[in-house]
Protein backbone atom coordinates (compact mmCIF):
# COMPACT_ATOMS: atom_id res chain seq x y z
CA UNK A 1 -11.38 37.37 4.22
CA UNK A 2 -9.00 34.53 3.52
CA UNK A 3 -11.05 31.42 2.72
CA UNK A 4 -10.00 28.14 4.31
CA UNK A 5 -7.88 26.61 1.57
CA UNK A 6 -7.02 23.39 3.43
CA UNK A 7 -8.66 21.51 6.30
CA UNK A 8 -6.67 19.12 8.50
CA UNK A 9 -9.37 18.33 11.03
CA UNK A 10 -9.53 15.78 13.82
CA UNK A 11 -12.12 14.74 16.37
CA UNK A 12 -9.60 13.74 19.05
CA UNK A 13 -6.81 16.35 18.73
CA UNK A 14 -6.49 20.02 17.75
CA UNK A 15 -7.60 20.75 14.21
CA UNK A 16 -5.34 22.61 11.80
CA UNK A 17 -6.75 25.05 9.25
CA UNK A 18 -4.84 26.77 6.45
CA UNK A 19 -6.19 30.19 5.48
CA UNK A 20 -4.15 32.01 2.85
CA UNK A 21 -0.59 32.35 4.20
CA UNK A 22 -1.70 31.69 7.77
CA UNK A 23 -2.07 28.59 9.95
CA UNK A 24 -4.51 28.17 12.82
CA UNK A 25 -4.88 25.46 15.43
CA UNK A 26 -8.34 25.07 16.91
CA UNK A 27 -9.57 23.00 19.83
CA UNK A 28 -11.90 20.52 18.12
CA UNK A 29 -14.22 20.17 21.12
CA UNK A 30 -14.57 23.78 22.25
CA UNK A 31 -13.86 25.65 19.02
CA UNK A 32 -11.32 27.82 20.82
CA UNK A 33 -8.51 29.14 18.60
CA UNK A 34 -5.37 27.89 20.33
CA UNK A 35 -2.80 29.60 18.15
CA UNK A 36 -2.42 31.42 14.85
CA UNK A 37 0.58 32.31 12.72
CA UNK A 38 -0.99 35.76 12.36
CA UNK A 39 0.03 36.37 15.97
CA UNK A 40 3.72 35.62 15.31
CA UNK A 41 5.29 39.07 14.74
CA UNK A 42 8.66 37.66 13.68
CA UNK A 43 7.06 35.68 10.82
CA UNK A 44 4.74 38.30 9.34
CA UNK A 45 7.14 39.72 6.76
CA UNK A 46 8.20 36.25 5.58
CA UNK A 47 4.57 35.10 5.36
CA UNK A 48 3.64 38.09 3.21
CA UNK A 49 6.55 37.48 0.83
CA UNK A 50 5.93 33.75 0.47
CA UNK A 51 2.25 34.21 -0.41
CA UNK A 52 -0.59 31.75 0.26
CA UNK A 53 0.25 28.24 1.41
CA UNK A 54 -0.33 25.92 -1.55
CA UNK A 55 0.09 22.56 0.13
CA UNK A 56 0.44 21.26 3.68
CA UNK A 57 0.96 17.87 5.31
CA UNK A 58 0.68 16.77 8.91
CA UNK A 59 2.48 13.80 10.46
CA UNK A 60 0.72 10.79 11.97
CA UNK A 61 1.05 12.03 15.56
CA UNK A 62 -0.14 15.52 14.54
CA UNK A 63 2.88 17.13 16.18
CA UNK A 64 4.53 18.59 13.06
CA UNK A 65 3.12 20.43 10.06
CA UNK A 66 5.03 20.91 6.80
CA UNK A 67 4.02 23.68 4.39
CA UNK A 68 5.07 24.97 0.97
CA UNK A 69 4.11 28.26 -0.67
CA UNK A 70 4.81 29.97 -3.98
CA UNK A 71 8.46 30.36 -2.99
CA UNK A 72 10.94 27.52 -2.71
CA UNK A 73 10.84 27.30 1.07
CA UNK A 74 9.91 24.14 2.95
CA UNK A 75 8.76 25.12 6.42
CA UNK A 76 8.22 22.74 9.33
CA UNK A 77 6.04 23.93 12.21
CA UNK A 78 5.96 22.45 15.70
CA UNK A 79 2.32 22.10 16.78
CA UNK A 80 2.80 19.38 19.40
CA UNK A 81 1.14 21.35 22.21
CA UNK A 82 -1.36 23.14 20.00
CA UNK A 83 0.68 26.30 19.68
CA UNK A 84 2.40 27.16 16.40
CA UNK A 85 6.17 27.58 16.34
CA UNK A 86 8.48 27.53 13.33
CA UNK A 87 10.81 24.55 13.81
CA UNK A 88 12.89 24.85 10.65
CA UNK A 89 12.91 26.14 7.10
CA UNK A 90 15.10 25.34 4.12
CA UNK A 91 15.27 26.41 0.51
CA UNK A 92 14.40 23.82 -2.12
CA UNK A 93 16.17 23.60 -5.50
CA UNK A 94 12.94 23.89 -7.50
CA UNK A 95 9.38 25.01 -6.83
CA UNK A 96 7.53 22.20 -5.00
CA UNK A 97 4.18 20.76 -6.04
CA UNK A 98 3.30 18.35 -3.22
CA UNK A 99 4.64 16.87 0.00
CA UNK A 100 4.02 14.07 2.50
CA UNK A 101 5.39 12.64 5.75
CA UNK A 102 6.54 9.07 6.14
CA UNK A 103 4.93 6.95 8.87
CA UNK A 104 7.78 7.49 11.36
CA UNK A 105 7.49 11.27 10.86
CA UNK A 106 11.26 11.57 10.44
CA UNK A 107 11.24 12.11 6.66
CA UNK A 108 9.42 14.56 4.41
CA UNK A 109 9.00 13.75 0.72
CA UNK A 110 8.67 16.69 -1.69
CA UNK A 111 7.88 16.62 -5.40
CA UNK A 112 8.80 19.56 -7.61
CA UNK A 113 8.01 21.07 -10.99
CA UNK A 114 11.14 19.57 -12.51
CA UNK A 115 9.70 16.06 -12.10
CA UNK A 116 11.82 14.91 -9.14
CA UNK A 117 11.02 13.73 -5.62
CA UNK A 118 13.51 14.45 -2.85
CA UNK A 119 13.45 13.25 0.75
CA UNK A 120 14.38 15.58 3.59
CA UNK A 121 14.98 14.82 7.24
CA UNK A 122 12.51 16.31 9.69
CA UNK A 123 15.29 18.32 11.31
CA UNK A 124 17.82 19.82 8.87
CA UNK A 125 21.43 18.69 9.33
CA UNK A 126 23.94 21.23 10.69
CA UNK A 127 25.59 23.47 8.07
CA UNK A 128 28.56 21.78 6.42
CA UNK A 129 31.98 23.37 6.11
CA UNK A 130 32.89 25.07 2.77
CA UNK A 131 35.14 22.18 1.72
CA UNK A 132 32.36 19.63 2.09
CA UNK A 133 29.94 21.93 0.27
CA UNK A 134 32.32 22.33 -2.69
CA UNK A 135 32.79 18.56 -2.87
CA UNK A 136 29.01 18.08 -2.94
CA UNK A 137 28.70 20.60 -5.77
CA UNK A 138 31.36 18.75 -7.75
CA UNK A 139 29.46 15.47 -7.27
CA UNK A 140 26.24 17.13 -8.41
CA UNK A 141 27.88 18.42 -11.60
CA UNK A 142 29.17 14.97 -12.48
CA UNK A 143 25.96 13.11 -11.58
CA UNK A 144 22.68 12.65 -13.47
CA UNK A 145 20.66 14.72 -10.97
CA UNK A 146 18.62 17.33 -12.83
CA UNK A 147 19.42 20.05 -10.32
CA UNK A 148 21.80 20.38 -7.35
CA UNK A 149 20.74 18.73 -4.10
CA UNK A 150 20.75 20.78 -0.93
CA UNK A 151 19.95 18.85 2.23
CA UNK A 152 17.75 16.35 0.38
CA UNK A 153 18.23 12.94 -1.20
CA UNK A 154 16.93 12.21 -4.69
CA UNK A 155 14.35 9.39 -4.67
CA UNK A 156 13.21 9.34 -8.29
CA UNK A 157 12.57 11.51 -11.31
CA UNK A 158 10.06 11.88 -14.12
CA UNK A 159 10.54 13.61 -17.45
CA UNK A 160 7.43 15.69 -16.75
CA UNK A 161 6.02 17.70 -13.86
CA UNK A 162 4.89 15.44 -10.99
CA UNK A 163 1.31 16.30 -10.17
CA UNK A 164 0.63 13.89 -7.31
CA UNK A 165 2.28 11.11 -5.35
CA UNK A 166 1.63 8.86 -2.37
CA UNK A 167 3.33 6.07 -0.44
CA UNK A 168 1.81 2.60 -0.06
CA UNK A 169 0.54 1.68 3.39
CA UNK A 170 3.50 -0.65 4.02
CA UNK A 171 5.88 2.07 2.73
CA UNK A 172 7.58 -0.33 0.34
CA UNK A 173 6.39 1.52 -2.77
CA UNK A 174 5.91 5.08 -3.95
CA UNK A 175 3.27 5.84 -6.59
CA UNK A 176 3.77 8.93 -8.72
CA UNK A 177 1.70 10.64 -11.41
CA UNK A 178 2.75 13.28 -13.92
CA UNK A 179 1.27 15.67 -16.44
CA UNK A 180 2.00 13.29 -19.32
CA UNK A 181 -0.62 10.66 -18.38
CA UNK A 182 1.79 8.33 -16.55
CA UNK A 183 1.33 6.57 -13.22
CA UNK A 184 4.50 4.84 -12.05
CA UNK A 185 4.91 2.38 -9.17
CA UNK A 186 8.49 2.41 -7.84
CA UNK A 187 10.25 0.88 -4.89
CA UNK A 188 10.77 3.06 -1.86
CA UNK A 189 13.31 4.37 -1.10
CA UNK A 190 15.04 2.74 -4.11
CA UNK A 191 13.03 4.81 -6.57
CA UNK A 192 15.22 3.74 -9.49
CA UNK A 193 13.59 0.29 -9.31
CA UNK A 194 10.29 0.44 -11.19
CA UNK A 195 7.71 -2.20 -10.24
CA UNK A 196 4.95 -1.38 -12.73
CA UNK A 197 3.12 1.28 -14.72
CA UNK A 198 -0.60 2.07 -14.65
CA UNK A 199 -1.18 3.09 -18.27
CA UNK A 200 -4.48 4.02 -19.85
CA UNK A 201 -5.01 7.70 -19.06
CA UNK A 202 -5.19 10.07 -22.01
CA UNK A 203 -4.75 13.34 -20.09
CA UNK A 204 -2.92 14.55 -17.02
CA UNK A 205 -3.45 12.86 -13.65
CA UNK A 206 -3.99 15.23 -10.75
CA UNK A 207 -5.26 13.05 -7.86
CA UNK A 208 -4.32 9.65 -6.43
CA UNK A 209 -5.83 7.70 -3.53
CA UNK A 210 -5.38 4.28 -1.92
CA UNK A 211 -8.32 3.32 0.34
CA UNK A 212 -7.26 2.23 3.83
CA UNK A 213 -9.67 -0.73 3.66
CA UNK A 214 -8.38 -1.88 0.23
CA UNK A 215 -4.61 -1.26 0.12
CA UNK A 216 -4.21 -3.06 -3.23
CA UNK A 217 -6.56 -0.61 -4.99
CA UNK A 218 -5.55 2.72 -6.50
CA UNK A 219 -8.10 5.34 -7.54
CA UNK A 220 -6.95 8.08 -9.92
CA UNK A 221 -8.49 11.11 -11.56
CA UNK A 222 -7.39 14.09 -13.61
CA UNK A 223 -8.31 15.53 -17.00
CA UNK A 224 -9.95 12.35 -18.30
CA UNK A 225 -13.73 12.10 -18.24
CA UNK A 226 -13.51 9.02 -16.00
CA UNK A 227 -12.38 8.03 -12.53
CA UNK A 228 -10.08 5.03 -12.92
CA UNK A 229 -9.66 2.13 -10.49
CA UNK A 230 -6.43 0.11 -10.70
CA UNK A 231 -4.75 -2.86 -9.17
CA UNK A 232 -1.59 -0.84 -8.82
CA UNK A 233 0.85 -3.66 -8.08
CA UNK A 234 0.23 -5.25 -11.49
CA UNK A 235 -0.78 -2.05 -13.27
CA UNK A 236 -4.12 -3.54 -14.34
CA UNK A 237 -6.99 -1.15 -15.02
CA UNK A 238 -10.01 -2.68 -13.29
CA UNK A 239 -12.80 -0.13 -13.81
CA UNK A 240 -13.54 3.09 -15.69
CA UNK A 241 -16.28 5.19 -14.12
CA UNK A 242 -17.55 8.03 -16.39
CA UNK A 243 -17.99 11.28 -14.44
CA UNK A 244 -18.24 14.02 -17.07
CA UNK A 245 -22.01 13.91 -17.56
CA UNK A 246 -22.57 14.48 -13.85
CA UNK A 247 -19.68 16.84 -13.14
CA UNK A 248 -19.54 19.30 -16.03
CA UNK A 249 -22.65 21.30 -15.09
CA UNK A 250 -21.12 22.10 -11.68
CA UNK A 251 -17.81 23.45 -13.05
CA UNK A 252 -18.64 27.13 -12.73
CA UNK A 253 -15.14 28.62 -12.53
CA UNK A 254 -13.76 28.55 -16.04
CA UNK A 255 -10.28 29.32 -17.34
CA UNK A 256 -8.86 30.84 -20.48
CA UNK A 257 -7.21 28.54 -23.03
CA UNK A 258 -3.45 28.14 -22.99
CA UNK A 259 -1.51 30.46 -25.28
CA UNK A 260 2.09 30.68 -26.35
CA UNK A 261 4.06 33.87 -26.51
CA UNK A 262 5.49 34.98 -29.79
CA UNK A 263 8.56 32.95 -30.66
CA UNK A 264 7.00 29.71 -29.43
CA UNK A 265 7.80 30.22 -25.75
CA UNK A 266 5.30 28.91 -23.22
CA UNK A 267 3.62 31.51 -21.07
CA UNK A 268 4.18 29.43 -17.96
CA UNK A 269 7.57 27.78 -17.78
CA UNK A 270 6.84 25.33 -15.00
CA UNK A 271 9.76 23.04 -15.58
CA UNK A 272 12.42 25.73 -15.25
CA UNK A 273 10.72 28.36 -13.12
CA UNK A 274 13.94 29.62 -11.64
CA UNK A 275 13.93 33.19 -10.45
CA UNK A 276 17.16 33.93 -12.33
CA UNK A 277 15.51 32.81 -15.61
CA UNK A 278 12.89 35.54 -15.48
CA UNK A 279 15.11 38.51 -16.53
CA UNK A 280 15.99 36.57 -19.70
CA UNK A 281 12.31 36.06 -20.45
CA UNK A 282 11.65 39.76 -19.87
CA UNK A 283 14.53 40.61 -22.23
CA UNK A 284 13.09 38.34 -24.93
CA UNK A 285 9.71 40.02 -24.60
CA UNK A 286 11.31 43.46 -24.95
CA UNK A 287 13.13 42.35 -28.08
CA UNK A 288 9.93 40.94 -29.56
CA UNK A 289 8.08 44.19 -28.89
CA UNK A 290 10.83 46.39 -30.32
CA UNK A 291 9.43 48.71 -32.96
CA UNK A 292 5.85 48.23 -31.80
CA UNK A 293 3.62 50.61 -29.92
CA UNK A 294 4.19 50.70 -26.18
CA UNK A 295 0.56 49.98 -25.40
CA UNK A 296 0.51 46.65 -27.22
CA UNK A 297 -0.40 44.01 -24.62
CA UNK A 298 1.48 40.73 -24.33
CA UNK A 299 -0.57 37.53 -24.02
CA UNK A 300 0.38 36.31 -20.54
CA UNK A 301 -2.59 34.28 -19.36
CA UNK A 302 -1.61 31.85 -16.59
CA UNK A 303 -3.58 28.61 -16.79
CA UNK A 304 -3.47 27.90 -13.06
CA UNK A 305 -5.32 31.05 -11.99
CA UNK A 306 -8.81 30.29 -10.73
CA UNK A 307 -9.96 33.88 -10.35
CA UNK A 308 -13.28 34.65 -11.97
CA UNK A 309 -13.01 35.08 -15.73
CA UNK A 310 -14.91 38.08 -17.03
CA UNK A 311 -14.75 37.18 -20.73
CA UNK A 312 -16.95 34.11 -20.86
CA UNK A 313 -16.61 33.87 -24.64
CA UNK A 314 -12.90 33.00 -24.42
CA UNK A 315 -13.17 30.83 -21.30
CA UNK A 316 -13.60 27.09 -21.42
CA UNK A 317 -14.69 24.33 -19.07
CA UNK A 318 -11.72 22.18 -18.09
CA UNK A 319 -12.12 19.02 -16.03
CA UNK A 320 -9.49 18.37 -13.38
CA UNK A 321 -10.12 16.13 -10.40
CA UNK A 322 -8.69 17.90 -7.38
CA UNK A 323 -8.90 15.41 -4.52
CA UNK A 324 -10.11 11.85 -3.86
CA UNK A 325 -10.91 10.28 -0.47
CA UNK A 326 -12.88 7.24 0.65
CA UNK A 327 -15.06 6.13 3.55
CA UNK A 328 -15.70 2.50 4.50
CA UNK A 329 -19.24 2.22 5.84
CA UNK A 330 -21.64 -0.72 6.14
CA UNK A 331 -19.35 -3.17 4.34
CA UNK A 332 -19.12 -0.83 1.34
CA UNK A 333 -16.56 1.69 0.14
CA UNK A 334 -17.83 5.16 -0.65
CA UNK A 335 -15.55 7.32 -2.82
CA UNK A 336 -15.71 11.11 -2.43
CA UNK A 337 -14.04 13.51 -4.85
CA UNK A 338 -13.96 17.16 -5.87
CA UNK A 339 -13.04 18.92 -9.12
CA UNK A 340 -11.24 22.19 -9.71
CA UNK A 341 -13.71 25.05 -10.02
CA UNK A 342 -16.65 22.79 -9.15
CA UNK A 343 -19.42 23.95 -6.87
CA UNK A 344 -20.38 20.46 -5.71
CA UNK A 345 -18.88 17.49 -3.89
CA UNK A 346 -19.34 14.11 -5.56
CA UNK A 347 -19.71 10.60 -4.20
CA UNK A 348 -20.13 7.08 -5.55
CA UNK A 349 -19.82 3.50 -4.45
CA UNK A 350 -16.45 2.06 -5.36
CA UNK A 351 -17.08 -0.07 -8.48
CA UNK A 352 -17.22 -3.84 -8.14
CA UNK A 353 -17.79 -6.73 -10.50
CA UNK A 354 -21.50 -6.65 -9.58
CA UNK A 355 -21.71 -2.87 -10.06
CA UNK A 356 -18.96 -1.72 -12.47
CA UNK A 357 -20.68 1.59 -13.33
CA UNK A 358 -22.03 3.01 -10.05
CA UNK A 359 -24.19 6.10 -10.01
CA UNK A 360 -22.50 9.38 -9.13
CA UNK A 361 -24.24 11.67 -6.64
CA UNK A 362 -23.62 15.41 -6.36
CA UNK A 363 -23.99 17.54 -3.24
CA UNK A 364 -24.45 21.06 -4.61
CA UNK A 365 -22.86 23.68 -2.35
CA UNK A 366 -23.32 26.57 -4.83
CA UNK A 367 -19.77 27.84 -4.19
CA UNK A 368 -16.42 26.59 -5.55
CA UNK A 369 -15.04 23.79 -3.40
CA UNK A 370 -11.49 24.50 -2.19
CA UNK A 371 -10.87 21.43 -0.03
CA UNK A 372 -12.62 18.73 1.96
CA UNK A 373 -11.71 16.50 4.86
CA UNK A 374 -13.17 13.17 5.98
CA UNK A 375 -13.54 12.57 9.73
CA UNK A 376 -13.90 8.85 10.37
CA UNK A 377 -16.07 7.43 13.16
CA UNK A 378 -19.32 5.59 13.77
CA UNK A 379 -21.03 8.19 11.62
CA UNK A 380 -18.36 9.47 9.20
CA UNK A 381 -18.67 13.08 8.14
CA UNK A 382 -17.21 15.16 5.33
CA UNK A 383 -16.21 18.78 6.03
CA UNK A 384 -15.96 20.96 2.93
CA UNK A 385 -14.34 24.39 2.60
CA UNK A 386 -15.77 26.64 -0.11
CA UNK A 387 -14.95 30.05 -1.54
CA UNK A 388 -17.78 31.93 0.11
CA UNK A 389 -16.92 35.25 -1.61
CA UNK A 390 -17.40 33.88 -5.14
CA UNK A 391 -18.36 35.31 -7.66
CA UNK A 392 -16.56 38.34 -6.19
CA UNK A 393 -19.23 40.94 -6.64
CA UNK A 394 -21.68 42.77 -4.41
CA UNK A 395 -24.51 40.49 -5.48
CA UNK A 396 -22.77 37.35 -4.17
CA UNK A 397 -25.05 35.34 -1.90
CA UNK A 398 -23.71 35.04 1.67
CA UNK A 399 -22.51 31.52 2.41
CA UNK A 400 -20.72 29.66 5.21
CA UNK A 401 -17.02 28.97 4.74
CA UNK A 402 -17.43 25.32 5.74
CA UNK A 403 -20.23 22.81 5.15
CA UNK A 404 -20.70 19.45 6.87
CA UNK A 405 -22.28 16.35 5.35
CA UNK A 406 -22.88 12.86 6.67
CA UNK A 407 -22.02 9.77 4.65
CA UNK A 408 -25.01 7.51 4.06
CA UNK A 409 -24.22 4.50 1.86
CA UNK A 410 -22.98 6.19 -1.33
CA UNK A 411 -24.54 9.61 -0.74
CA UNK A 412 -23.62 12.78 1.16
CA UNK A 413 -26.46 14.12 3.30
CA UNK A 414 -25.98 17.78 4.30
CA UNK A 415 -26.20 18.61 7.97
CA UNK A 416 -27.80 21.93 8.77
CA UNK A 417 -25.78 24.29 10.93
CA UNK A 418 -25.72 22.87 14.43
CA UNK A 419 -25.29 25.52 17.15
CA UNK A 420 -23.74 22.87 19.40
CA UNK A 421 -20.88 22.30 16.93
CA UNK A 422 -18.32 24.72 18.29
CA UNK A 423 -15.69 23.82 15.69
CA UNK A 424 -18.09 24.50 12.81
CA UNK A 425 -19.13 27.80 14.38
CA UNK A 426 -15.49 28.88 14.66
CA UNK A 427 -14.67 27.90 11.08
CA UNK A 428 -17.66 29.91 9.85
CA UNK A 429 -16.77 32.96 11.92
CA UNK A 430 -16.48 36.14 9.89
CA UNK A 431 -13.73 37.65 12.07
CA UNK A 432 -10.82 35.27 11.58
CA UNK A 433 -8.31 36.74 9.13
CA UNK A 434 -8.89 39.67 6.77
CA UNK A 435 -7.35 39.61 3.31
CA UNK A 436 -7.72 38.61 -0.33
CA UNK A 437 -6.56 35.41 -1.96
CA UNK A 438 -6.38 34.14 -5.54
CA UNK A 439 -6.43 30.38 -5.72
CA UNK A 440 -4.13 28.45 -8.02
CA UNK A 441 -3.88 24.91 -9.29
CA UNK A 442 -0.31 23.92 -10.02
CA UNK A 443 -0.84 21.53 -12.89
CA UNK A 444 -4.20 21.88 -14.48
CA UNK A 445 -4.98 22.27 -18.15
CA UNK A 446 -1.64 23.27 -19.54
CA UNK A 447 -0.64 21.69 -22.86
CA UNK A 448 -3.84 19.65 -23.01
CA UNK A 449 -4.59 20.56 -26.62
CA UNK A 450 -3.23 18.68 -29.62
CA UNK A 451 -1.07 21.57 -30.78
CA UNK A 452 0.74 21.50 -27.43
CA UNK A 453 1.55 17.78 -27.48
CA UNK A 454 5.27 17.75 -26.73
CA UNK A 455 5.58 14.09 -27.76
CA UNK A 456 4.28 14.70 -31.30
CA UNK A 457 7.36 16.15 -33.00
CA UNK A 458 8.84 15.11 -36.35
CA UNK A 459 12.56 14.41 -36.43
CA UNK A 460 13.25 16.66 -39.39
CA UNK A 461 13.63 20.33 -38.53
CA UNK A 462 12.46 21.37 -41.98
CA UNK A 463 9.10 19.64 -41.49
CA UNK A 464 8.56 20.94 -37.97
CA UNK A 465 5.59 23.14 -37.15
CA UNK A 466 3.80 23.05 -40.50
CA UNK A 467 5.49 26.27 -41.61
CA UNK A 468 5.25 27.96 -38.21
CA UNK A 469 8.35 29.68 -36.82
CA UNK A 470 10.21 27.80 -34.10
CA UNK A 471 11.80 29.37 -31.08
CA UNK A 472 15.58 29.30 -30.68
CA UNK A 473 15.18 26.89 -27.80
CA UNK A 474 13.19 24.41 -29.92
CA UNK A 475 15.61 24.69 -32.84
CA UNK A 476 18.55 24.12 -30.51
CA UNK A 477 16.98 20.97 -29.08
CA UNK A 478 16.29 19.57 -32.55
CA UNK A 479 19.80 20.36 -33.75
CA UNK A 480 21.28 18.62 -30.71
CA UNK A 481 19.11 15.60 -31.38
CA UNK A 482 20.23 15.41 -35.00
CA UNK A 483 23.89 15.81 -34.01
CA UNK A 484 23.60 12.89 -31.60
CA UNK A 485 21.98 10.76 -34.30
CA UNK A 486 24.79 11.62 -36.74
CA UNK A 487 27.44 10.64 -34.21
CA UNK A 488 25.66 7.37 -33.55
CA UNK A 489 25.55 6.61 -37.29
CA UNK A 490 29.25 7.35 -37.70
CA UNK A 491 30.14 5.12 -34.76
CA UNK A 492 28.27 2.24 -36.41
CA UNK A 493 30.02 2.67 -39.80
CA UNK A 494 33.19 0.54 -40.39
CA UNK A 495 36.51 2.34 -40.58
CA UNK A 496 37.53 2.69 -44.28
CA UNK A 497 41.22 2.34 -43.48
CA UNK A 498 40.81 -1.13 -42.01
């Protein structure tokens, strides 16, 4: 079975559910499955090649759905009448990490592993003639864009992988977070104009949220042991809410620590990640293994795999906030969040001056949480998708795919299975889509240790690494840096002949 990896539910229109590589639209009132991408014969081969859908976004009118998978394809699906039809697809320059629609639904924003955000029109422009294409390539080579643009427009760029982003409610600003602890507030669409920074995190940021009832507030979470509340326009940190003491006991899916291959190369080159780079990496590995026994394994542990780890001695508990949402109820703001590999959903009252350290409540679901969705209303509810097959053995306790809880003040009260809830019954059906899926997190827990701090490098090559051998790539970068410094020194020296 494919677990439900993303829930895009609604009480007034068809609900959209992502399950592995497939998309389903379900009538929210009757529970009837309106359409499924599994029933599109023309798309089956492409869906198998692209792998599971990693991220999806739906526009405000719920008529278009944008999806990205492990490949570099941005697909737009027409779901206006409930049926699923592929509207367009285009290849992106780098592997994407996240995406979002603008309010008018005419633009899709996509962040990638190279640290850039591009905007794409909802409907791709017609193919340009070869002359225009060659002129565009020439402009790209002479510009400061990190990689060639296709049909997109560069909005902004970071020097590190962008882990999360969102647009302010008035769409005048775009807020971005990266793996190097930065939160940047930039103008939109003039992303080169930076309004402020929200600085204070010590590890990666993986989740951002602006409550609808408090548009001046930003809530962030990631690898730090706190949830942080900001006034994002000024960059002021308002509150730090410790979460580790409550959360760590529920992180049941552990990961193996990050390792580097011999020669200093990372085992997961997120920033490059081009398909044409992989043969070079394979060649390097062959050269490194030359003269050794053929059965010598190569350390190639990917940090974003969330499959069960058999060797518990080498696994570690890594905190990474996965998603943050909020519910405004009874004149109070309740914050709901999940963590990667956690078997519970957490809630707390948004901190205030009267209550700066609110208590955190945990709703234990006993299975890893994959996603959750808040349905607003008189009695707001939170729908949570879990990995019911975990821990992937015959002794695993049967569990529903989706759980429902009601928001009461700052707590989540579970609702027992209601036979009258047709949507819940459909989501928990055991006959939807057969298959196997391995979940991934695109950013979590890479280079979080001190020895992987890319910013802590001495200028002198001779003192680099404490006697450890450097890779050719690292040596080349340091040599280039020294050459630039030498040229700058020479340019500042007076001419002796004058």
